[in-house]
Amino acid sequence: MKRANGNFEIKDWQEDAYQQIDGGGKMTRADVTQGFTGDIEGEGKVQWLMCYRADGTADFVGMQRIVGTVGDRKGSFVLETSGTFDGGAATGRWNVVPGSGTGELEGMTGEGTYEAPKGPQATFSIDYDIV
């Protein structure tokens, strides 16, 4: 296993509520574009489904495709993501979707974590292998 560390920045965020929940919560869908730097370089596009509670905290799940390089290998891969927003920061986990790698990233497996304080910048770490 190798470890990739780096940052990502929110480049675009389009979020719409699709259901209101009694008591002040809501369910939303967000289409987000992120720029990755560090051991992963490239662009990620993710769609998140989120459930906000009345206090503004939320849980979310999504699928994200990253196109670019991991180390010196080019291609793309898909991450299954899940996490929690506590009102100040989002934290979560990534799992590489088996069989989703393309190009020189074909056969990629792995899992990692990320932390995104409120604002456009976030950090990540992912342990991966390419077989």
N, C-alpha and C. Protein backbone atom coordinates (compact mmCIF):
# COMPACT_ATOMS: atom_id res chain seq x y z
N MET A 1 0.84 -1.20 0.00
CA MET A 1 0.00 0.00 0.00
C MET A 1 0.88 1.25 0.00
N LYS A 2 0.41 2.24 -0.72
CA LYS A 2 1.04 3.55 -0.73
C LYS A 2 0.06 4.54 -0.11
N ARG A 3 0.57 5.66 0.34
CA ARG A 3 -0.29 6.71 0.90
C ARG A 3 -0.17 7.96 0.04
N ALA A 4 -1.32 8.52 -0.32
CA ALA A 4 -1.38 9.79 -1.03
C ALA A 4 -1.98 10.83 -0.09
N ASN A 5 -1.30 11.97 0.04
CA ASN A 5 -1.79 13.08 0.85
C ASN A 5 -1.90 14.31 -0.04
N GLY A 6 -2.78 15.20 0.33
CA GLY A 6 -2.89 16.44 -0.42
C GLY A 6 -4.07 17.28 0.01
N ASN A 7 -4.47 18.14 -0.91
CA ASN A 7 -5.55 19.08 -0.66
C ASN A 7 -6.54 19.05 -1.83
N PHE A 8 -7.74 19.46 -1.52
CA PHE A 8 -8.66 19.76 -2.61
C PHE A 8 -9.39 21.05 -2.29
N GLU A 9 -9.80 21.72 -3.36
CA GLU A 9 -10.48 23.00 -3.24
C GLU A 9 -11.79 22.93 -4.01
N ILE A 10 -12.84 23.44 -3.39
CA ILE A 10 -14.15 23.50 -4.05
C ILE A 10 -14.08 24.56 -5.14
N LYS A 11 -14.36 24.14 -6.39
CA LYS A 11 -14.37 25.07 -7.51
C LYS A 11 -15.79 25.49 -7.88
N ASP A 12 -16.75 24.58 -7.65
CA ASP A 12 -18.15 24.89 -7.95
C ASP A 12 -19.03 24.04 -7.04
N TRP A 13 -20.11 24.63 -6.55
CA TRP A 13 -21.04 23.94 -5.65
C TRP A 13 -22.45 24.38 -6.02
N GLN A 14 -23.24 23.45 -6.53
CA GLN A 14 -24.64 23.70 -6.87
C GLN A 14 -25.50 22.75 -6.02
N GLU A 15 -26.25 23.32 -5.07
CA GLU A 15 -27.03 22.50 -4.14
C GLU A 15 -28.49 22.92 -4.17
N ASP A 16 -29.37 21.94 -4.24
CA ASP A 16 -30.81 22.19 -4.26
C ASP A 16 -31.52 21.24 -3.30
N ALA A 17 -32.48 21.77 -2.56
CA ALA A 17 -33.31 20.94 -1.69
C ALA A 17 -34.33 20.20 -2.55
N TYR A 18 -34.53 18.93 -2.25
CA TYR A 18 -35.57 18.18 -2.96
C TYR A 18 -36.65 17.68 -2.02
N GLN A 19 -36.45 17.86 -0.71
CA GLN A 19 -37.50 17.49 0.23
C GLN A 19 -37.28 18.24 1.54
N GLN A 20 -38.36 18.78 2.10
CA GLN A 20 -38.32 19.42 3.42
C GLN A 20 -38.74 18.39 4.47
N ILE A 21 -38.13 18.48 5.64
CA ILE A 21 -38.45 17.56 6.73
C ILE A 21 -39.13 18.35 7.84
N ASP A 22 -40.21 17.81 8.37
CA ASP A 22 -40.90 18.47 9.48
C ASP A 22 -39.91 18.81 10.59
N GLY A 23 -40.04 19.99 11.16
CA GLY A 23 -39.17 20.42 12.24
C GLY A 23 -37.98 21.23 11.77
N GLY A 24 -37.84 21.45 10.45
CA GLY A 24 -36.78 22.34 9.97
C GLY A 24 -35.65 21.69 9.22
N GLY A 25 -35.63 20.38 9.10
CA GLY A 25 -34.57 19.73 8.33
C GLY A 25 -34.89 19.73 6.85
N LYS A 26 -33.95 19.23 6.06
CA LYS A 26 -34.18 19.13 4.62
C LYS A 26 -33.24 18.09 4.03
N MET A 27 -33.62 17.62 2.84
CA MET A 27 -32.77 16.73 2.07
C MET A 27 -32.36 17.47 0.81
N THR A 28 -31.06 17.41 0.48
CA THR A 28 -30.55 18.15 -0.67
C THR A 28 -29.68 17.26 -1.54
N ARG A 29 -29.47 17.74 -2.76
CA ARG A 29 -28.55 17.12 -3.72
C ARG A 29 -27.57 18.19 -4.14
N ALA A 30 -26.28 17.88 -4.13
CA ALA A 30 -25.27 18.86 -4.52
C ALA A 30 -24.37 18.27 -5.61
N ASP A 31 -24.17 19.05 -6.68
CA ASP A 31 -23.19 18.74 -7.71
C ASP A 31 -21.99 19.63 -7.45
N VAL A 32 -20.82 19.00 -7.22
CA VAL A 32 -19.64 19.73 -6.78
C VAL A 32 -18.44 19.37 -7.66
N THR A 33 -17.64 20.38 -7.99
CA THR A 33 -16.38 20.18 -8.70
C THR A 33 -15.25 20.59 -7.77
N GLN A 34 -14.22 19.74 -7.70
CA GLN A 34 -13.09 19.99 -6.81
C GLN A 34 -11.78 19.89 -7.60
N GLY A 35 -10.81 20.72 -7.24
CA GLY A 35 -9.47 20.64 -7.78
C GLY A 35 -8.56 19.99 -6.77
N PHE A 36 -7.80 18.95 -7.17
CA PHE A 36 -6.92 18.20 -6.29
C PHE A 36 -5.46 18.57 -6.54
N THR A 37 -4.69 18.74 -5.45
CA THR A 37 -3.26 18.97 -5.53
C THR A 37 -2.56 18.10 -4.49
N GLY A 38 -1.28 17.82 -4.74
CA GLY A 38 -0.52 16.97 -3.85
C GLY A 38 -0.21 15.67 -4.55
N ASP A 39 -0.33 14.55 -3.83
CA ASP A 39 -0.04 13.25 -4.43
C ASP A 39 -1.11 12.82 -5.43
N ILE A 40 -2.27 13.44 -5.38
CA ILE A 40 -3.30 13.30 -6.41
C ILE A 40 -3.46 14.67 -7.04
N GLU A 41 -3.31 14.74 -8.36
CA GLU A 41 -3.47 15.99 -9.12
C GLU A 41 -4.58 15.79 -10.12
N GLY A 42 -5.54 16.69 -10.14
CA GLY A 42 -6.59 16.57 -11.13
C GLY A 42 -7.88 17.21 -10.68
N GLU A 43 -8.96 16.76 -11.30
CA GLU A 43 -10.28 17.32 -11.02
C GLU A 43 -11.22 16.20 -10.60
N GLY A 44 -12.02 16.48 -9.59
CA GLY A 44 -13.03 15.56 -9.12
C GLY A 44 -14.42 16.15 -9.28
N LYS A 45 -15.34 15.32 -9.70
CA LYS A 45 -16.75 15.71 -9.76
C LYS A 45 -17.51 14.73 -8.90
N VAL A 46 -18.30 15.29 -7.98
CA VAL A 46 -19.04 14.46 -7.03
C VAL A 46 -20.49 14.92 -6.97
N GLN A 47 -21.37 13.96 -6.72
CA GLN A 47 -22.76 14.28 -6.42
C GLN A 47 -23.04 13.72 -5.03
N TRP A 48 -23.42 14.63 -4.13
CA TRP A 48 -23.73 14.25 -2.77
C TRP A 48 -25.23 14.34 -2.51
N LEU A 49 -25.75 13.40 -1.76
CA LEU A 49 -27.09 13.46 -1.19
C LEU A 49 -26.89 13.74 0.29
N MET A 50 -27.58 14.78 0.79
CA MET A 50 -27.37 15.22 2.17
C MET A 50 -28.69 15.29 2.92
N CYS A 51 -28.62 14.96 4.20
CA CYS A 51 -29.75 15.10 5.09
C CYS A 51 -29.34 16.08 6.19
N TYR A 52 -29.93 17.28 6.14
CA TYR A 52 -29.66 18.31 7.14
C TYR A 52 -30.68 18.20 8.26
N ARG A 53 -30.18 18.32 9.48
CA ARG A 53 -31.06 18.41 10.64
C ARG A 53 -31.41 19.88 10.87
N ALA A 54 -32.38 20.14 11.71
CA ALA A 54 -32.83 21.51 11.97
C ALA A 54 -31.71 22.40 12.50
N ASP A 55 -30.71 21.82 13.18
CA ASP A 55 -29.62 22.62 13.73
C ASP A 55 -28.52 22.93 12.70
N GLY A 56 -28.69 22.49 11.44
CA GLY A 56 -27.72 22.78 10.39
C GLY A 56 -26.63 21.73 10.21
N THR A 57 -26.58 20.73 11.09
CA THR A 57 -25.64 19.64 10.90
C THR A 57 -26.21 18.68 9.86
N ALA A 58 -25.36 17.83 9.30
CA ALA A 58 -25.83 16.95 8.23
C ALA A 58 -24.99 15.69 8.12
N ASP A 59 -25.59 14.68 7.52
CA ASP A 59 -24.88 13.48 7.07
C ASP A 59 -25.02 13.44 5.55
N PHE A 60 -24.00 12.85 4.88
CA PHE A 60 -24.05 12.83 3.41
C PHE A 60 -23.39 11.58 2.86
N VAL A 61 -23.80 11.22 1.66
CA VAL A 61 -23.21 10.11 0.90
C VAL A 61 -23.06 10.58 -0.54
N GLY A 62 -22.12 9.97 -1.27
CA GLY A 62 -21.95 10.37 -2.66
C GLY A 62 -21.00 9.48 -3.41
N MET A 63 -20.92 9.78 -4.71
CA MET A 63 -19.98 9.12 -5.62
C MET A 63 -19.19 10.21 -6.31
N GLN A 64 -17.88 10.01 -6.38
CA GLN A 64 -16.99 11.01 -6.95
C GLN A 64 -16.02 10.38 -7.93
N ARG A 65 -15.92 10.96 -9.12
CA ARG A 65 -14.93 10.51 -10.11
C ARG A 65 -13.81 11.53 -10.16
N ILE A 66 -12.58 11.05 -10.01
CA ILE A 66 -11.40 11.90 -10.10
C ILE A 66 -10.64 11.53 -11.37
N VAL A 67 -10.32 12.54 -12.17
CA VAL A 67 -9.55 12.37 -13.40
C VAL A 67 -8.25 13.12 -13.22
N GLY A 68 -7.11 12.42 -13.41
CA GLY A 68 -5.82 13.08 -13.25
C GLY A 68 -4.72 12.09 -13.03
N THR A 69 -3.84 12.39 -12.06
CA THR A 69 -2.72 11.51 -11.77
C THR A 69 -2.69 11.17 -10.28
N VAL A 70 -2.25 9.96 -10.01
CA VAL A 70 -1.94 9.51 -8.66
C VAL A 70 -0.48 9.11 -8.72
N GLY A 71 0.38 9.88 -8.03
CA GLY A 71 1.82 9.68 -8.21
C GLY A 71 2.18 10.01 -9.64
N ASP A 72 2.76 9.06 -10.35
CA ASP A 72 3.12 9.29 -11.75
C ASP A 72 2.21 8.55 -12.72
N ARG A 73 1.06 8.05 -12.25
CA ARG A 73 0.14 7.29 -13.09
C ARG A 73 -1.08 8.15 -13.45
N LYS A 74 -1.46 8.09 -14.74
CA LYS A 74 -2.60 8.88 -15.22
C LYS A 74 -3.82 7.99 -15.43
N GLY A 75 -4.98 8.58 -15.20
CA GLY A 75 -6.23 7.87 -15.43
C GLY A 75 -7.34 8.48 -14.59
N SER A 76 -8.30 7.65 -14.24
CA SER A 76 -9.40 8.10 -13.39
C SER A 76 -9.82 6.96 -12.47
N PHE A 77 -10.57 7.30 -11.43
CA PHE A 77 -11.12 6.30 -10.51
C PHE A 77 -12.31 6.94 -9.81
N VAL A 78 -13.15 6.09 -9.23
CA VAL A 78 -14.36 6.55 -8.55
C VAL A 78 -14.25 6.24 -7.06
N LEU A 79 -14.65 7.21 -6.25
CA LEU A 79 -14.69 7.06 -4.80
C LEU A 79 -16.14 7.05 -4.32
N GLU A 80 -16.44 6.12 -3.42
CA GLU A 80 -17.70 6.16 -2.68
C GLU A 80 -17.40 6.95 -1.41
N THR A 81 -18.19 7.99 -1.14
CA THR A 81 -17.90 8.86 0.00
C THR A 81 -19.06 8.88 0.99
N SER A 82 -18.71 9.06 2.25
CA SER A 82 -19.73 9.27 3.28
C SER A 82 -19.12 10.15 4.35
N GLY A 83 -19.97 10.91 5.02
CA GLY A 83 -19.42 11.78 6.04
C GLY A 83 -20.47 12.52 6.83
N THR A 84 -19.96 13.42 7.67
CA THR A 84 -20.79 14.20 8.57
C THR A 84 -20.32 15.66 8.55
N PHE A 85 -21.27 16.57 8.58
CA PHE A 85 -20.99 17.99 8.72
C PHE A 85 -21.51 18.42 10.08
N ASP A 86 -20.61 18.93 10.95
CA ASP A 86 -21.00 19.28 12.33
C ASP A 86 -21.38 20.74 12.49
N GLY A 87 -21.52 21.45 11.38
CA GLY A 87 -21.83 22.88 11.42
C GLY A 87 -20.60 23.73 11.20
N GLY A 88 -19.41 23.16 11.39
CA GLY A 88 -18.17 23.89 11.19
C GLY A 88 -17.21 23.21 10.24
N ALA A 89 -17.27 21.87 10.17
CA ALA A 89 -16.37 21.12 9.29
C ALA A 89 -17.06 19.84 8.84
N ALA A 90 -16.67 19.40 7.65
CA ALA A 90 -17.12 18.10 7.15
C ALA A 90 -15.96 17.14 7.26
N THR A 91 -16.23 15.94 7.77
CA THR A 91 -15.24 14.88 7.82
C THR A 91 -15.86 13.64 7.20
N GLY A 92 -15.02 12.83 6.59
CA GLY A 92 -15.60 11.65 5.97
C GLY A 92 -14.57 10.63 5.56
N ARG A 93 -15.12 9.58 4.93
CA ARG A 93 -14.33 8.45 4.46
C ARG A 93 -14.54 8.26 2.97
N TRP A 94 -13.49 7.75 2.33
CA TRP A 94 -13.52 7.38 0.92
C TRP A 94 -13.20 5.91 0.78
N ASN A 95 -13.83 5.26 -0.17
CA ASN A 95 -13.47 3.92 -0.58
C ASN A 95 -13.42 3.91 -2.10
N VAL A 96 -12.32 3.42 -2.67
CA VAL A 96 -12.24 3.31 -4.12
C VAL A 96 -13.21 2.23 -4.56
N VAL A 97 -14.06 2.55 -5.55
CA VAL A 97 -15.02 1.58 -6.07
C VAL A 97 -14.25 0.54 -6.88
N PRO A 98 -14.33 -0.75 -6.50
CA PRO A 98 -13.59 -1.78 -7.23
C PRO A 98 -13.95 -1.78 -8.71
N GLY A 99 -12.92 -1.89 -9.55
CA GLY A 99 -13.14 -1.95 -10.99
C GLY A 99 -13.37 -0.61 -11.66
N SER A 100 -13.27 0.50 -10.91
CA SER A 100 -13.57 1.82 -11.49
C SER A 100 -12.36 2.50 -12.10
N GLY A 101 -11.16 2.00 -11.86
CA GLY A 101 -9.96 2.64 -12.37
C GLY A 101 -9.83 2.52 -13.88
N THR A 102 -9.32 3.58 -14.51
CA THR A 102 -9.08 3.57 -15.95
C THR A 102 -7.62 3.97 -16.22
N GLY A 103 -7.17 3.70 -17.45
CA GLY A 103 -5.81 4.06 -17.83
C GLY A 103 -4.80 3.38 -16.93
N GLU A 104 -3.80 4.13 -16.51
CA GLU A 104 -2.75 3.59 -15.64
C GLU A 104 -3.22 3.38 -14.19
N LEU A 105 -4.48 3.78 -13.90
CA LEU A 105 -5.05 3.57 -12.56
C LEU A 105 -5.99 2.36 -12.52
N GLU A 106 -6.02 1.61 -13.62
CA GLU A 106 -6.82 0.39 -13.64
C GLU A 106 -6.33 -0.55 -12.55
N GLY A 107 -7.25 -1.15 -11.81
CA GLY A 107 -6.89 -2.05 -10.72
C GLY A 107 -6.65 -1.34 -9.39
N MET A 108 -6.95 -0.04 -9.32
CA MET A 108 -6.73 0.70 -8.07
C MET A 108 -7.74 0.28 -7.01
N THR A 109 -7.23 0.11 -5.79
CA THR A 109 -8.06 -0.14 -4.62
C THR A 109 -7.59 0.80 -3.52
N GLY A 110 -8.42 1.01 -2.51
CA GLY A 110 -7.95 1.82 -1.40
C GLY A 110 -9.07 2.46 -0.61
N GLU A 111 -8.65 3.14 0.46
CA GLU A 111 -9.60 3.86 1.31
C GLU A 111 -8.86 5.00 1.99
N GLY A 112 -9.62 6.02 2.37
CA GLY A 112 -8.99 7.17 3.00
C GLY A 112 -9.98 8.03 3.75
N THR A 113 -9.47 9.18 4.19
CA THR A 113 -10.27 10.12 4.95
C THR A 113 -10.02 11.53 4.45
N TYR A 114 -10.94 12.43 4.76
CA TYR A 114 -10.78 13.83 4.41
C TYR A 114 -11.40 14.70 5.49
N GLU A 115 -10.92 15.94 5.55
CA GLU A 115 -11.47 16.92 6.48
C GLU A 115 -11.58 18.25 5.76
N ALA A 116 -12.77 18.82 5.80
CA ALA A 116 -13.04 20.07 5.10
C ALA A 116 -13.65 21.08 6.06
N PRO A 117 -12.82 21.96 6.65
CA PRO A 117 -13.39 23.02 7.47
C PRO A 117 -14.27 23.91 6.60
N LYS A 118 -15.21 24.61 7.19
CA LYS A 118 -16.09 25.49 6.42
C LYS A 118 -15.24 26.41 5.55
N GLY A 119 -15.54 26.44 4.27
CA GLY A 119 -14.74 27.18 3.32
C GLY A 119 -14.32 26.27 2.18
N PRO A 120 -13.53 26.78 1.24
CA PRO A 120 -13.25 26.02 0.02
C PRO A 120 -12.09 25.01 0.13
N GLN A 121 -11.27 25.04 1.17
CA GLN A 121 -10.08 24.20 1.25
C GLN A 121 -10.30 22.96 2.12
N ALA A 122 -9.67 21.84 1.73
CA ALA A 122 -9.78 20.61 2.50
C ALA A 122 -8.49 19.81 2.35
N THR A 123 -8.28 18.87 3.27
CA THR A 123 -7.12 17.98 3.21
C THR A 123 -7.60 16.53 3.11
N PHE A 124 -6.75 15.67 2.52
CA PHE A 124 -7.10 14.27 2.40
C PHE A 124 -5.88 13.38 2.59
N SER A 125 -6.15 12.12 2.89
CA SER A 125 -5.14 11.07 2.96
C SER A 125 -5.83 9.79 2.49
N ILE A 126 -5.19 9.07 1.57
CA ILE A 126 -5.78 7.83 1.08
C ILE A 126 -4.67 6.78 0.93
N ASP A 127 -4.91 5.60 1.47
CA ASP A 127 -4.02 4.46 1.30
C ASP A 127 -4.54 3.68 0.10
N TYR A 128 -3.65 3.41 -0.87
CA TYR A 128 -4.11 2.78 -2.11
C TYR A 128 -3.07 1.78 -2.62
N ASP A 129 -3.55 0.95 -3.53
CA ASP A 129 -2.69 0.02 -4.23
C ASP A 129 -3.21 -0.07 -5.66
N ILE A 130 -2.33 -0.34 -6.59
CA ILE A 130 -2.72 -0.55 -7.98
C ILE A 130 -2.12 -1.89 -8.40
N VAL A 131 -3.00 -2.83 -8.70
CA VAL A 131 -2.53 -4.19 -9.04
C VAL A 131 -2.71 -4.48 -10.52
